[in-house]
Amino acid sequence: LVSLTTMTRMVEEERVLIGTYKALGYGKGRIAAKYLLYAGIACIVGCIVGILIGFQVLPAVIIRAYGTMYILPETVIAFQWKYALIAGITAIICTLGATIAACVAKLHETPASLMLPPAPKAGKRILLERIPFLWSHVPFIKKVTFRNLFRYKKRLFMTVIGIAGCTGLLLTGFGIKDSIGDILGNQYEDIYEYDALISFEDAAKAAESKMLLESVPTVSDYLLSETKSVEVSGDKQSMTATLLVPEDTAQLNTIVNFRERIGHKKLVLNSDSVFVTEKLAKELGVQEGGSIQIKNSSGQLLDLTVGGVTENYIGHYIYMPTEMYRSVFREGPSYNQAMVVLSGTEEEKQAFPDAVLGQDNIATVRLMNDVSESFQNMIQSLDAVVVVLIVCA
């Protein structure tokens, strides 16, 4: 579109020069060669610059972004001749084709007609003119603008498509940044109201670990829970999700803020249904009041009623009360982690892992602040991708 518009305007502006060339005896091919050479050089230079940036800069930015999240082997960015040739030849053909199309009409005119100013393009009644009530209220300058829009359709489409595409890239870039930037506050401040997560080496010794937690001064509250990966099915598909079963369902309602994302309506987990997180519910195709299926320890598929769809941003979770777990799995939960609420100053909270790590049955301790900061560092790598999108736009 850019090539077609640029070359069309260039040929149009030099119509008198083209007429002079023809009057002096230059052939159509020789005259067209000037514009083809101009467009060809610009296109080749653009292809070289674009291909080098495409093969070197963009992969490096993306690999670096992934490198902050995953351990990657050393990567070698190879030059792909196949794709370079396909892209380059396609660009050259399109650009030169647009140039030839722009030249053909002018080269068929006589030298005498080319040396005269071009006749204005014939105007036509536009759709808006056929609606007298609207057209009569449009100022004169606006009427001229509307008529020109429809007289020069190529420029209209060029402008609309070009600006729409650039605006789309800008919105994508800023949208990625804004949408991901709010995840941390929503998840680790508004939804998770506990400060630390402890994993046990042996779930059978969870009762002993409770005594340890009760002996730490900064622990103001804690809740044992079992988490494990399960296959869950819905109306659309099957997925893997994390099943979380609390020791005390009522207490879970106080340290995890169950709520709807739109309107923030408070949800309360009870003993006769499960909660699923919003994205999981969307992927499974279920809503509140619907049902999902999971496998019990015997491999049987069991229907569970969805009591609520709760706001969540990281991971797919199913929250199941202990009473339902016992009836579904025919056994009691094995508590392999504890959600801990801490009190005291920030320094005292930061010292909590040192106070419990190394103790019997304590495998890992994660402070939610540290998890949030780690995730923040991870998503900062997206800044480079956002900058690339905005610069391209």
Protein backbone atom coordinates (compact mmCIF):
# COMPACT_ATOMS: atom_id res chain seq x y z
CA LEU A 1 0.00 0.00 0.00
CA VAL A 2 2.79 2.43 0.87
CA SER A 3 4.69 1.58 -2.33
CA LEU A 4 1.59 1.89 -4.50
CA THR A 5 0.57 5.23 -3.01
CA THR A 6 4.10 6.66 -3.06
CA MET A 7 4.87 5.68 -6.64
CA THR A 8 1.44 6.72 -7.89
CA ARG A 9 1.91 10.20 -6.44
CA MET A 10 5.49 10.42 -7.74
CA VAL A 11 4.45 9.48 -11.29
CA GLU A 12 1.47 11.83 -11.10
CA GLU A 13 3.64 14.75 -9.98
CA GLU A 14 6.16 14.10 -12.80
CA ARG A 15 3.61 13.70 -15.62
CA VAL A 16 4.98 16.80 -17.41
CA LEU A 17 8.52 15.37 -17.19
CA ILE A 18 7.27 12.04 -18.55
CA GLY A 19 5.56 13.88 -21.43
CA THR A 20 8.83 15.70 -22.16
CA TYR A 21 10.76 12.40 -22.21
CA LYS A 22 8.24 10.93 -24.65
CA ALA A 23 8.40 14.05 -26.85
CA LEU A 24 12.20 13.74 -26.95
CA GLY A 25 11.88 10.14 -28.19
CA TYR A 26 12.52 8.08 -25.07
CA GLY A 27 10.70 4.76 -25.12
CA LYS A 28 8.19 3.61 -22.50
CA GLY A 29 10.58 1.04 -21.10
CA ARG A 30 13.39 3.57 -20.66
CA ILE A 31 11.07 6.01 -18.89
CA ALA A 32 9.58 3.32 -16.66
CA ALA A 33 13.09 2.09 -15.81
CA LYS A 34 13.77 5.32 -13.92
CA TYR A 35 10.88 4.71 -11.54
CA LEU A 36 11.51 0.98 -11.32
CA LEU A 37 15.14 1.67 -10.41
CA TYR A 38 14.11 4.18 -7.76
CA ALA A 39 11.55 1.82 -6.23
CA GLY A 40 13.86 -1.19 -6.60
CA ILE A 41 16.79 0.43 -4.76
CA ALA A 42 14.53 1.58 -1.93
CA CYS A 43 12.99 -1.89 -1.69
CA ILE A 44 16.32 -3.74 -1.72
CA VAL A 45 17.78 -1.47 0.97
CA GLY A 46 14.63 -1.92 3.04
CA CYS A 47 14.77 -5.71 2.61
CA ILE A 48 18.40 -5.87 3.72
CA VAL A 49 17.80 -3.73 6.80
CA GLY A 50 14.55 -5.49 7.66
CA ILE A 51 15.93 -9.00 7.20
CA LEU A 52 18.99 -8.24 9.33
CA ILE A 53 16.83 -6.75 12.10
CA GLY A 54 14.35 -9.59 11.79
CA PHE A 55 16.96 -12.33 12.03
CA GLN A 56 19.18 -10.76 14.68
CA VAL A 57 17.34 -8.21 16.85
CA LEU A 58 13.88 -9.73 17.28
CA PRO A 59 15.05 -13.30 18.10
CA ALA A 60 17.61 -11.91 20.55
CA VAL A 61 14.91 -9.87 22.33
CA ILE A 62 12.49 -12.81 22.51
CA ILE A 63 15.15 -15.32 23.62
CA ARG A 64 16.29 -12.92 26.33
CA ALA A 65 12.69 -12.56 27.51
CA TYR A 66 12.26 -16.33 27.74
CA GLY A 67 15.66 -16.62 29.37
CA THR A 68 14.42 -14.76 32.43
CA MET A 69 11.69 -17.37 32.93
CA TYR A 70 13.39 -20.58 31.83
CA ILE A 71 16.85 -22.09 31.80
CA LEU A 72 17.72 -22.20 28.11
CA PRO A 73 20.75 -23.65 26.35
CA GLU A 74 23.05 -21.30 24.49
CA THR A 75 21.22 -20.28 21.35
CA VAL A 76 22.74 -19.69 17.93
CA ILE A 77 20.76 -17.33 15.72
CA ALA A 78 21.37 -18.66 12.21
CA PHE A 79 20.67 -16.73 9.03
CA GLN A 80 17.77 -18.42 7.22
CA TRP A 81 18.36 -17.93 3.51
CA LYS A 82 15.09 -19.62 2.56
CA TYR A 83 12.91 -17.20 4.50
CA ALA A 84 15.08 -14.22 3.59
CA LEU A 85 14.69 -14.96 -0.13
CA ILE A 86 10.94 -15.59 0.16
CA ALA A 87 10.40 -12.33 2.04
CA GLY A 88 12.79 -10.30 -0.12
CA ILE A 89 11.51 -11.54 -3.49
CA THR A 90 7.88 -11.09 -2.41
CA ALA A 91 8.57 -7.52 -1.29
CA ILE A 92 10.42 -6.68 -4.53
CA ILE A 93 7.68 -8.16 -6.72
CA CYS A 94 4.96 -6.26 -4.85
CA THR A 95 6.88 -2.98 -4.93
CA LEU A 96 7.88 -3.20 -8.58
CA GLY A 97 4.39 -4.40 -9.50
CA ALA A 98 2.91 -1.34 -7.81
CA THR A 99 5.39 0.88 -9.66
CA ILE A 100 4.55 -0.68 -13.03
CA ALA A 101 0.83 -0.22 -12.31
CA ALA A 102 1.45 3.45 -11.53
CA CYS A 103 3.46 3.99 -14.72
CA VAL A 104 1.29 2.10 -17.21
CA ALA A 105 -1.59 4.60 -17.29
CA LYS A 106 0.68 7.60 -17.80
CA LEU A 107 2.90 5.95 -20.42
CA HIS A 108 -0.12 5.25 -22.64
CA GLU A 109 -1.01 8.94 -22.86
CA THR A 110 0.35 11.17 -25.62
CA PRO A 111 3.13 13.70 -24.90
CA ALA A 112 0.73 16.57 -25.54
CA SER A 113 -1.83 15.37 -22.97
CA LEU A 114 0.91 14.65 -20.41
CA MET A 115 2.20 18.20 -20.64
CA LEU A 116 -1.24 19.57 -19.76
CA PRO A 117 -2.51 19.68 -16.17
CA PRO A 118 -4.51 16.52 -15.41
CA ALA A 119 -8.27 16.74 -15.63
CA PRO A 120 -9.83 16.49 -12.18
CA LYS A 121 -11.39 13.16 -11.36
CA ALA A 122 -15.12 13.15 -12.00
CA GLY A 123 -17.16 13.54 -8.85
CA LYS A 124 -20.09 11.30 -7.97
CA ARG A 125 -22.98 11.61 -5.61
CA ILE A 126 -22.11 9.80 -2.43
CA LEU A 127 -24.46 7.87 -0.18
CA LEU A 128 -24.66 10.67 2.36
CA GLU A 129 -25.98 13.06 -0.30
CA ARG A 130 -28.94 10.76 -0.82
CA ILE A 131 -30.01 11.45 2.77
CA PRO A 132 -31.09 15.14 2.52
CA PHE A 133 -31.80 15.51 6.23
CA LEU A 134 -28.20 14.69 7.14
CA TRP A 135 -26.48 16.23 4.11
CA SER A 136 -28.18 19.62 4.56
CA HIS A 137 -26.68 19.94 8.06
CA VAL A 138 -23.09 19.18 6.97
CA PRO A 139 -20.87 22.31 6.58
CA PHE A 140 -19.44 23.02 3.11
CA ILE A 141 -15.83 22.12 4.03
CA LYS A 142 -17.00 18.80 5.46
CA LYS A 143 -18.97 18.11 2.28
CA VAL A 144 -15.81 18.56 0.22
CA THR A 145 -13.95 16.24 2.59
CA PHE A 146 -16.59 13.52 2.31
CA ARG A 147 -16.62 13.76 -1.49
CA ASN A 148 -12.82 13.55 -1.70
CA LEU A 149 -12.79 10.50 0.54
CA PHE A 150 -14.92 8.62 -1.95
CA ARG A 151 -13.23 10.08 -5.04
CA TYR A 152 -9.79 8.83 -4.01
CA LYS A 153 -10.65 5.39 -2.69
CA LYS A 154 -7.06 4.14 -2.88
CA ARG A 155 -5.87 6.86 -0.52
CA LEU A 156 -8.87 6.21 1.73
CA PHE A 157 -8.07 2.51 2.07
CA MET A 158 -4.37 3.25 2.47
CA THR A 159 -5.05 5.64 5.34
CA VAL A 160 -7.68 3.53 7.09
CA ILE A 161 -5.80 0.22 6.85
CA GLY A 162 -2.44 1.78 7.67
CA ILE A 163 -3.58 3.73 10.71
CA ALA A 164 -5.78 0.84 11.91
CA GLY A 165 -2.83 -1.57 11.76
CA CYS A 166 -0.50 0.80 13.60
CA THR A 167 -3.15 1.54 16.22
CA GLY A 168 -3.68 -2.20 16.67
CA LEU A 169 0.04 -2.70 17.34
CA LEU A 170 0.10 0.18 19.80
CA LEU A 171 -2.91 -1.13 21.69
CA THR A 172 -1.40 -4.62 21.75
CA GLY A 173 1.87 -3.32 23.17
CA PHE A 174 0.35 -1.14 25.85
CA GLY A 175 -2.38 -3.71 26.51
CA ILE A 176 0.14 -6.46 27.26
CA LYS A 177 1.97 -4.18 29.65
CA ASP A 178 -1.13 -2.93 31.46
CA SER A 179 -2.91 -6.28 31.73
CA ILE A 180 0.10 -8.15 33.11
CA GLY A 181 1.16 -5.27 35.35
CA ASP A 182 -1.99 -5.61 37.47
CA ILE A 183 -1.62 -9.36 38.04
CA LEU A 184 0.74 -9.10 41.00
CA GLY A 185 -1.36 -6.77 43.11
CA ASN A 186 -4.56 -8.63 42.36
CA GLN A 187 -3.15 -12.09 43.11
CA TYR A 188 -0.71 -11.56 45.97
CA GLU A 189 -2.41 -8.69 47.79
CA ASP A 190 -6.15 -8.90 47.09
CA ILE A 191 -6.73 -12.66 46.65
CA TYR A 192 -4.00 -14.33 48.73
CA GLU A 193 -4.22 -12.93 52.25
CA TYR A 194 -1.55 -15.17 53.73
CA ASP A 195 2.14 -14.26 53.83
CA ALA A 196 4.02 -17.54 53.43
CA LEU A 197 3.59 -21.03 52.01
CA ILE A 198 5.37 -24.01 53.61
CA SER A 199 5.77 -27.40 51.92
CA PHE A 200 6.24 -30.52 54.07
CA GLU A 201 8.56 -33.40 53.25
CA ASP A 202 6.18 -35.97 54.75
CA ALA A 203 2.44 -35.29 54.89
CA ALA A 204 2.10 -37.88 57.66
CA LYS A 205 4.10 -35.63 59.98
CA ALA A 206 1.92 -32.56 59.39
CA ALA A 207 0.58 -32.67 62.95
CA GLU A 208 4.14 -32.41 64.31
CA SER A 209 4.83 -29.47 62.03
CA LYS A 210 1.81 -27.64 63.50
CA MET A 211 3.58 -27.57 66.85
CA LEU A 212 6.60 -25.97 65.21
CA LEU A 213 4.46 -23.26 63.61
CA GLU A 214 2.73 -22.53 66.90
CA SER A 215 6.10 -21.98 68.54
CA VAL A 216 7.18 -19.23 66.11
CA PRO A 217 6.23 -15.78 67.54
CA THR A 218 5.57 -14.14 64.16
CA VAL A 219 2.99 -16.77 63.11
CA SER A 220 -0.45 -15.35 63.88
CA ASP A 221 -2.45 -17.95 61.96
CA TYR A 222 -1.92 -20.94 59.68
CA LEU A 223 -3.95 -23.47 57.71
CA LEU A 224 -2.89 -26.94 56.60
CA SER A 225 -3.97 -28.06 53.15
CA GLU A 226 -3.38 -30.73 50.56
CA THR A 227 -2.52 -29.78 46.99
CA LYS A 228 -2.17 -32.21 44.14
CA SER A 229 -2.52 -32.27 40.38
CA VAL A 230 -5.75 -33.78 39.00
CA GLU A 231 -7.36 -34.29 35.60
CA VAL A 232 -10.62 -32.37 35.38
CA SER A 233 -13.22 -32.49 32.58
CA GLY A 234 -15.93 -30.07 31.58
CA ASP A 235 -18.30 -29.44 28.70
CA LYS A 236 -15.48 -28.34 26.36
CA GLN A 237 -12.34 -30.26 27.21
CA SER A 238 -10.18 -31.94 29.85
CA MET A 239 -7.34 -30.16 31.63
CA THR A 240 -4.86 -30.53 34.44
CA ALA A 241 -5.54 -28.39 37.50
CA THR A 242 -4.36 -28.11 41.10
CA LEU A 243 -6.78 -29.47 43.67
CA LEU A 244 -6.56 -27.70 47.06
CA VAL A 245 -8.23 -29.22 50.12
CA PRO A 246 -8.08 -27.22 53.40
CA GLU A 247 -8.05 -28.69 56.88
CA ASP A 248 -10.71 -26.16 57.87
CA THR A 249 -13.03 -24.86 55.13
CA ALA A 250 -14.26 -21.90 57.18
CA GLN A 251 -10.69 -20.80 57.85
CA LEU A 252 -9.84 -21.01 54.15
CA ASN A 253 -12.53 -18.39 53.49
CA THR A 254 -10.60 -15.97 55.72
CA ILE A 255 -7.12 -16.32 54.18
CA VAL A 256 -8.11 -16.69 50.52
CA ASN A 257 -10.38 -13.93 49.25
CA PHE A 258 -12.95 -15.76 47.14
CA ARG A 259 -14.79 -13.26 44.97
CA GLU A 260 -16.13 -12.69 41.48
CA ARG A 261 -13.85 -10.65 39.24
CA ILE A 262 -16.66 -8.41 37.98
CA GLY A 263 -18.32 -6.61 40.86
CA HIS A 264 -16.14 -8.32 43.51
CA LYS A 265 -19.11 -10.18 44.99
CA LYS A 266 -17.90 -12.16 48.00
CA LEU A 267 -18.07 -15.97 47.65
CA VAL A 268 -18.10 -18.44 50.56
CA LEU A 269 -16.93 -22.02 50.08
CA ASN A 270 -19.26 -24.52 51.79
CA SER A 271 -19.29 -28.29 52.23
CA ASP A 272 -21.48 -29.31 49.28
CA SER A 273 -19.73 -27.81 46.24
CA VAL A 274 -16.35 -26.79 44.83
CA PHE A 275 -14.92 -23.50 43.61
CA VAL A 276 -13.01 -23.30 40.33
CA THR A 277 -10.87 -20.40 39.17
CA GLU A 278 -12.21 -18.23 36.37
CA LYS A 279 -9.87 -19.15 33.51
CA LEU A 280 -10.22 -22.85 34.29
CA ALA A 281 -14.01 -22.52 34.23
CA LYS A 282 -13.81 -20.74 30.88
CA GLU A 283 -11.54 -23.39 29.36
CA LEU A 284 -13.76 -26.21 30.64
CA GLY A 285 -16.94 -24.43 29.55
CA VAL A 286 -18.64 -24.50 32.97
CA GLN A 287 -20.41 -21.88 35.07
CA GLU A 288 -21.68 -21.58 38.60
CA GLY A 289 -24.27 -24.30 39.17
CA GLY A 290 -22.72 -26.53 36.49
CA SER A 291 -20.69 -29.65 37.05
CA ILE A 292 -17.16 -30.90 36.44
CA GLN A 293 -15.70 -34.40 36.53
CA ILE A 294 -12.55 -35.59 38.25
CA LYS A 295 -11.11 -39.04 38.83
CA ASN A 296 -10.96 -40.53 42.30
CA SER A 297 -8.22 -42.85 43.51
CA SER A 298 -10.03 -45.81 41.92
CA GLY A 299 -10.07 -44.16 38.49
CA GLN A 300 -13.81 -43.45 38.55
CA LEU A 301 -15.13 -40.23 37.04
CA LEU A 302 -17.22 -38.34 39.60
CA ASP A 303 -19.46 -35.33 39.03
CA LEU A 304 -18.88 -32.30 41.25
CA THR A 305 -21.14 -29.27 41.47
CA VAL A 306 -19.49 -25.91 40.84
CA GLY A 307 -20.57 -23.66 43.68
CA GLY A 308 -18.70 -20.59 42.43
CA VAL A 309 -16.25 -19.24 39.89
CA THR A 310 -13.60 -17.24 41.72
CA GLU A 311 -11.20 -14.57 40.52
CA ASN A 312 -7.65 -15.80 39.93
CA TYR A 313 -4.71 -14.83 37.75
CA ILE A 314 -1.93 -17.39 38.22
CA GLY A 315 -2.56 -21.12 37.83
CA HIS A 316 -5.72 -23.25 37.61
CA TYR A 317 -7.22 -24.25 40.97
CA ILE A 318 -10.11 -26.31 42.28
CA TYR A 319 -10.97 -25.60 45.93
CA MET A 320 -12.68 -28.57 47.58
CA PRO A 321 -13.95 -28.77 51.19
CA THR A 322 -12.59 -31.59 53.34
CA GLU A 323 -16.00 -33.24 53.76
CA MET A 324 -16.47 -33.57 50.02
CA TYR A 325 -12.92 -34.84 49.58
CA ARG A 326 -13.58 -37.70 52.00
CA SER A 327 -16.76 -38.72 50.17
CA VAL A 328 -15.19 -38.47 46.71
CA PHE A 329 -11.80 -40.08 47.35
CA ARG A 330 -12.90 -42.41 50.17
CA GLU A 331 -9.95 -41.30 52.26
CA GLY A 332 -8.79 -38.34 54.28
CA PRO A 333 -6.57 -35.62 52.77
CA SER A 334 -2.80 -35.74 53.26
CA TYR A 335 -1.80 -32.26 54.28
CA ASN A 336 1.44 -31.47 52.45
CA GLN A 337 1.57 -27.69 52.87
CA ALA A 338 0.61 -24.85 55.19
CA MET A 339 -0.57 -21.34 54.42
CA VAL A 340 0.82 -19.02 57.07
CA VAL A 341 -0.30 -15.54 58.17
CA LEU A 342 2.55 -13.56 59.75
CA SER A 343 2.57 -10.60 62.09
CA GLY A 344 5.26 -8.12 63.04
CA THR A 345 7.48 -5.85 60.98
CA GLU A 346 8.68 -6.53 57.46
CA GLU A 347 12.10 -7.46 58.81
CA GLU A 348 10.56 -10.03 61.15
CA LYS A 349 8.50 -11.47 58.30
CA GLN A 350 11.59 -11.72 56.11
CA ALA A 351 13.33 -13.63 58.92
CA PHE A 352 10.55 -16.25 59.10
CA PRO A 353 12.09 -18.69 56.54
CA ASP A 354 15.35 -18.78 58.51
CA ALA A 355 13.41 -19.62 61.66
CA VAL A 356 11.76 -22.75 60.22
CA LEU A 357 14.03 -23.97 57.42
CA GLY A 358 16.19 -26.81 58.55
CA GLN A 359 13.58 -27.97 61.03
CA ASP A 360 12.23 -31.50 60.78
CA ASN A 361 9.74 -32.05 57.91
CA ILE A 362 10.09 -28.52 56.45
CA ALA A 363 10.95 -28.85 52.75
CA THR A 364 10.50 -25.31 51.39
CA VAL A 365 9.32 -21.92 52.61
CA ARG A 366 8.14 -19.28 50.18
CA LEU A 367 7.23 -15.76 51.21
CA MET A 368 4.48 -14.32 49.02
CA ASN A 369 6.42 -11.05 48.75
CA ASP A 370 9.41 -12.93 47.34
CA VAL A 371 7.20 -14.85 44.91
CA SER A 372 5.63 -11.57 43.81
CA GLU A 373 9.04 -9.93 43.29
CA SER A 374 10.29 -12.96 41.37
CA PHE A 375 7.27 -12.86 39.11
CA GLN A 376 7.71 -9.10 38.69
CA ASN A 377 11.29 -9.62 37.52
CA MET A 378 10.08 -12.31 35.15
CA ILE A 379 7.41 -10.21 33.46
CA GLN A 380 9.72 -7.20 33.18
CA SER A 381 11.31 -9.08 30.29
CA LEU A 382 8.09 -8.38 28.39
CA ASP A 383 9.03 -4.69 28.37
CA ALA A 384 11.42 -5.41 25.52
CA VAL A 385 8.65 -7.10 23.52
CA VAL A 386 6.33 -4.16 24.22
CA VAL A 387 8.98 -1.70 23.03
CA VAL A 388 9.44 -3.71 19.82
CA LEU A 389 5.68 -3.60 19.13
CA ILE A 390 5.45 0.13 19.79
CA VAL A 391 8.51 0.94 17.67
CA CYS A 392 7.11 -1.20 14.82
CA ALA A 393 3.82 0.67 15.08
